[in-house]
């Protein structure tokens, strides 16, 4: 298994399955088996909060654009009545 990573624009770094296993072993030795699930849980919570925040921002932008379109349509109606 080879994973291709784009590193600093033009440099390409190849990581094999063996190197990934070594990285996981080093992480396991540094943090211990008990801490890894806590890190994964925290990462999952962070990703969930980020997704929720982006959805809130999208919803707010859509609501604002709907309000702006309503104002524009009202202005058009008022202008056609004046003519």
N, C-alpha and C. Protein backbone atom coordinates (compact mmCIF):
# COMPACT_ATOMS: atom_id res chain seq x y z
N UNK A 1 0.84 -1.18 0.00
CA UNK A 1 0.00 0.00 0.00
C UNK A 1 0.88 1.24 0.00
N UNK A 2 0.67 2.13 -0.95
CA UNK A 2 1.45 3.36 -1.05
C UNK A 2 0.47 4.53 -1.07
N UNK A 3 0.74 5.49 -0.21
CA UNK A 3 -0.09 6.69 -0.15
C UNK A 3 0.73 7.84 -0.72
N UNK A 4 0.13 8.57 -1.64
CA UNK A 4 0.80 9.69 -2.29
C UNK A 4 0.32 10.97 -1.62
N UNK A 5 1.26 11.72 -1.08
CA UNK A 5 0.93 12.97 -0.43
C UNK A 5 1.58 14.12 -1.18
N UNK A 6 0.83 15.19 -1.42
CA UNK A 6 1.39 16.38 -2.04
C UNK A 6 1.99 17.22 -0.92
N UNK A 7 3.29 17.43 -0.97
CA UNK A 7 4.00 18.08 0.12
C UNK A 7 4.70 19.32 -0.42
N UNK A 8 4.34 20.48 0.07
CA UNK A 8 4.94 21.75 -0.30
C UNK A 8 4.90 21.99 -1.80
N UNK A 9 3.74 21.86 -2.38
CA UNK A 9 3.58 22.20 -3.79
C UNK A 9 4.13 21.16 -4.73
N UNK A 10 5.40 21.30 -5.13
CA UNK A 10 5.96 20.45 -6.16
C UNK A 10 6.57 19.16 -5.61
N UNK A 11 6.99 19.14 -4.35
CA UNK A 11 7.59 17.94 -3.78
C UNK A 11 6.51 16.89 -3.53
N UNK A 12 6.78 15.66 -3.91
CA UNK A 12 5.83 14.59 -3.68
C UNK A 12 6.50 13.57 -2.76
N UNK A 13 5.77 13.15 -1.74
CA UNK A 13 6.29 12.24 -0.73
C UNK A 13 5.51 10.95 -0.79
N UNK A 14 6.20 9.84 -0.90
CA UNK A 14 5.57 8.53 -0.92
C UNK A 14 5.70 7.89 0.46
N UNK A 15 4.60 7.43 1.03
CA UNK A 15 4.60 6.76 2.32
C UNK A 15 4.06 5.36 2.10
N UNK A 16 4.85 4.36 2.45
CA UNK A 16 4.40 2.98 2.27
C UNK A 16 3.65 2.51 3.51
N UNK A 17 3.04 1.36 3.40
CA UNK A 17 2.31 0.78 4.53
C UNK A 17 3.21 0.52 5.72
N UNK A 18 4.45 0.12 5.45
CA UNK A 18 5.41 -0.16 6.51
C UNK A 18 5.71 1.11 7.31
N UNK A 19 5.87 2.23 6.63
CA UNK A 19 6.15 3.49 7.31
C UNK A 19 4.95 3.97 8.12
N UNK A 20 3.75 3.73 7.62
CA UNK A 20 2.54 4.09 8.37
C UNK A 20 2.46 3.28 9.65
N UNK A 21 2.78 2.00 9.59
CA UNK A 21 2.78 1.15 10.78
C UNK A 21 3.79 1.67 11.79
N UNK A 22 4.96 2.08 11.32
CA UNK A 22 5.99 2.61 12.23
C UNK A 22 5.49 3.88 12.91
N UNK A 23 4.82 4.74 12.16
CA UNK A 23 4.27 5.97 12.75
C UNK A 23 3.24 5.63 13.81
N UNK A 24 2.35 4.68 13.52
CA UNK A 24 1.35 4.27 14.52
C UNK A 24 2.00 3.69 15.77
N UNK A 25 3.05 2.92 15.61
CA UNK A 25 3.75 2.35 16.76
C UNK A 25 4.38 3.44 17.60
N UNK A 26 5.00 4.43 16.95
CA UNK A 26 5.61 5.55 17.68
C UNK A 26 4.54 6.33 18.45
N UNK A 27 3.41 6.58 17.80
CA UNK A 27 2.31 7.29 18.47
C UNK A 27 1.81 6.47 19.65
N UNK A 28 1.69 5.18 19.47
CA UNK A 28 1.26 4.29 20.56
C UNK A 28 2.24 4.32 21.72
N UNK A 29 3.53 4.33 21.43
CA UNK A 29 4.53 4.38 22.48
C UNK A 29 4.55 5.73 23.20
N UNK A 30 4.36 6.81 22.44
CA UNK A 30 4.40 8.14 23.04
C UNK A 30 3.18 8.43 23.91
N UNK A 31 2.00 8.06 23.44
CA UNK A 31 0.78 8.45 24.13
C UNK A 31 0.13 7.32 24.91
N UNK A 32 0.43 6.10 24.59
CA UNK A 32 -0.17 4.97 25.30
C UNK A 32 -1.51 4.59 24.70
N UNK A 33 -1.89 3.35 24.94
CA UNK A 33 -3.13 2.82 24.36
C UNK A 33 -4.37 3.49 24.94
N UNK A 34 -4.29 4.00 26.14
CA UNK A 34 -5.47 4.62 26.77
C UNK A 34 -5.76 6.02 26.22
N UNK A 35 -4.73 6.73 25.79
CA UNK A 35 -4.92 8.10 25.32
C UNK A 35 -5.39 8.19 23.88
N UNK A 36 -5.08 7.20 23.06
CA UNK A 36 -5.44 7.26 21.64
C UNK A 36 -6.95 7.35 21.43
N UNK A 37 -7.78 6.54 22.13
CA UNK A 37 -9.23 6.71 21.95
C UNK A 37 -9.74 8.08 22.40
N UNK A 38 -9.09 8.65 23.43
CA UNK A 38 -9.49 9.99 23.88
C UNK A 38 -9.18 11.03 22.80
N UNK A 39 -8.00 10.89 22.15
CA UNK A 39 -7.66 11.80 21.06
C UNK A 39 -8.64 11.66 19.91
N UNK A 40 -8.98 10.42 19.58
CA UNK A 40 -9.92 10.18 18.47
C UNK A 40 -11.30 10.75 18.81
N UNK A 41 -11.71 10.60 20.05
CA UNK A 41 -13.01 11.13 20.49
C UNK A 41 -13.01 12.66 20.39
N UNK A 42 -11.93 13.28 20.85
CA UNK A 42 -11.82 14.74 20.77
C UNK A 42 -11.79 15.21 19.33
N UNK A 43 -11.09 14.48 18.48
CA UNK A 43 -11.05 14.83 17.06
C UNK A 43 -12.42 14.72 16.43
N UNK A 44 -13.16 13.67 16.78
CA UNK A 44 -14.52 13.50 16.27
C UNK A 44 -15.44 14.63 16.70
N UNK A 45 -15.33 15.02 17.97
CA UNK A 45 -16.15 16.14 18.47
C UNK A 45 -15.81 17.43 17.74
N UNK A 46 -14.52 17.66 17.53
CA UNK A 46 -14.09 18.86 16.83
C UNK A 46 -14.60 18.90 15.40
N UNK A 47 -14.55 17.76 14.73
CA UNK A 47 -15.05 17.69 13.35
C UNK A 47 -16.56 17.92 13.31
N UNK A 48 -17.28 17.35 14.28
CA UNK A 48 -18.74 17.55 14.35
C UNK A 48 -19.07 19.02 14.57
N UNK A 49 -18.36 19.69 15.50
CA UNK A 49 -18.62 21.10 15.76
C UNK A 49 -18.29 21.96 14.55
N UNK A 50 -17.21 21.62 13.84
CA UNK A 50 -16.84 22.37 12.63
C UNK A 50 -17.91 22.22 11.57
N UNK A 51 -18.41 20.99 11.39
CA UNK A 51 -19.46 20.75 10.39
C UNK A 51 -20.73 21.52 10.76
N UNK A 52 -21.08 21.52 12.04
CA UNK A 52 -22.26 22.25 12.49
C UNK A 52 -22.10 23.75 12.26
N UNK A 53 -20.91 24.26 12.54
CA UNK A 53 -20.66 25.69 12.35
C UNK A 53 -20.75 26.07 10.88
N UNK A 54 -20.21 25.24 9.99
CA UNK A 54 -20.29 25.56 8.57
C UNK A 54 -21.72 25.48 8.07
N UNK A 55 -22.50 24.54 8.59
CA UNK A 55 -23.91 24.46 8.19
C UNK A 55 -24.67 25.68 8.69
N UNK A 56 -24.37 26.15 9.91
CA UNK A 56 -25.01 27.36 10.44
C UNK A 56 -24.68 28.57 9.58
N UNK A 57 -23.43 28.67 9.17
CA UNK A 57 -23.02 29.81 8.34
C UNK A 57 -23.73 29.76 6.98
N UNK A 58 -23.79 28.56 6.39
CA UNK A 58 -24.50 28.42 5.10
C UNK A 58 -25.96 28.80 5.24
N UNK A 59 -26.60 28.33 6.32
CA UNK A 59 -28.01 28.64 6.53
C UNK A 59 -28.21 30.14 6.72
N UNK A 60 -27.32 30.79 7.46
CA UNK A 60 -27.44 32.22 7.68
C UNK A 60 -27.26 33.00 6.38
N UNK A 61 -26.32 32.58 5.56
CA UNK A 61 -26.11 33.25 4.27
C UNK A 61 -27.33 33.07 3.38
N UNK A 62 -27.89 31.87 3.34
CA UNK A 62 -29.09 31.63 2.52
C UNK A 62 -30.26 32.46 3.03
N UNK A 63 -30.44 32.54 4.35
CA UNK A 63 -31.53 33.35 4.90
C UNK A 63 -31.34 34.82 4.55
N UNK A 64 -30.11 35.30 4.65
CA UNK A 64 -29.83 36.70 4.32
C UNK A 64 -30.08 36.97 2.85
N UNK A 65 -29.68 36.04 2.00
CA UNK A 65 -29.89 36.27 0.57
C UNK A 65 -31.38 36.23 0.23
N UNK A 66 -32.14 35.40 0.93
CA UNK A 66 -33.59 35.39 0.72
C UNK A 66 -34.21 36.73 1.12
N UNK A 67 -33.76 37.29 2.24
CA UNK A 67 -34.26 38.58 2.68
C UNK A 67 -33.90 39.68 1.68
N UNK A 68 -32.69 39.62 1.16
CA UNK A 68 -32.25 40.62 0.18
C UNK A 68 -33.09 40.51 -1.09
N UNK A 69 -33.34 39.27 -1.54
CA UNK A 69 -34.16 39.08 -2.74
C UNK A 69 -35.58 39.59 -2.51
N UNK A 70 -36.12 39.37 -1.31
CA UNK A 70 -37.45 39.90 -1.00
C UNK A 70 -37.45 41.43 -1.07
N UNK A 71 -36.42 42.06 -0.53
CA UNK A 71 -36.32 43.52 -0.58
C UNK A 71 -36.21 44.01 -2.02
N UNK A 72 -35.44 43.32 -2.82
CA UNK A 72 -35.30 43.71 -4.23
C UNK A 72 -36.63 43.58 -4.96
N UNK A 73 -37.34 42.49 -4.72
CA UNK A 73 -38.65 42.32 -5.37
C UNK A 73 -39.65 43.37 -4.92
N UNK A 74 -39.62 43.74 -3.63
CA UNK A 74 -40.49 44.81 -3.14
C UNK A 74 -40.16 46.13 -3.83
N UNK A 75 -38.87 46.40 -4.00
CA UNK A 75 -38.46 47.62 -4.66
C UNK A 75 -38.91 47.64 -6.11
N UNK A 76 -38.79 46.50 -6.79
CA UNK A 76 -39.26 46.40 -8.18
C UNK A 76 -40.76 46.66 -8.26
N UNK A 77 -41.51 46.07 -7.34
CA UNK A 77 -42.97 46.28 -7.32
C UNK A 77 -43.31 47.74 -7.11
N UNK A 78 -42.60 48.39 -6.19
CA UNK A 78 -42.85 49.80 -5.92
C UNK A 78 -42.52 50.66 -7.13
N UNK A 79 -41.43 50.32 -7.83
CA UNK A 79 -41.06 51.09 -9.01
C UNK A 79 -42.06 50.90 -10.15
N UNK A 80 -42.59 49.69 -10.31
CA UNK A 80 -43.57 49.48 -11.38
C UNK A 80 -44.87 50.20 -11.06
N UNK A 81 -45.22 50.33 -9.79
CA UNK A 81 -46.44 51.06 -9.41
C UNK A 81 -46.29 52.57 -9.66
N UNK A 82 -45.09 53.06 -9.47
CA UNK A 82 -44.85 54.49 -9.65
C UNK A 82 -44.97 54.85 -11.13
N UNK A 83 -44.54 53.98 -12.02
CA UNK A 83 -44.61 54.28 -13.46
C UNK A 83 -46.03 54.33 -13.86
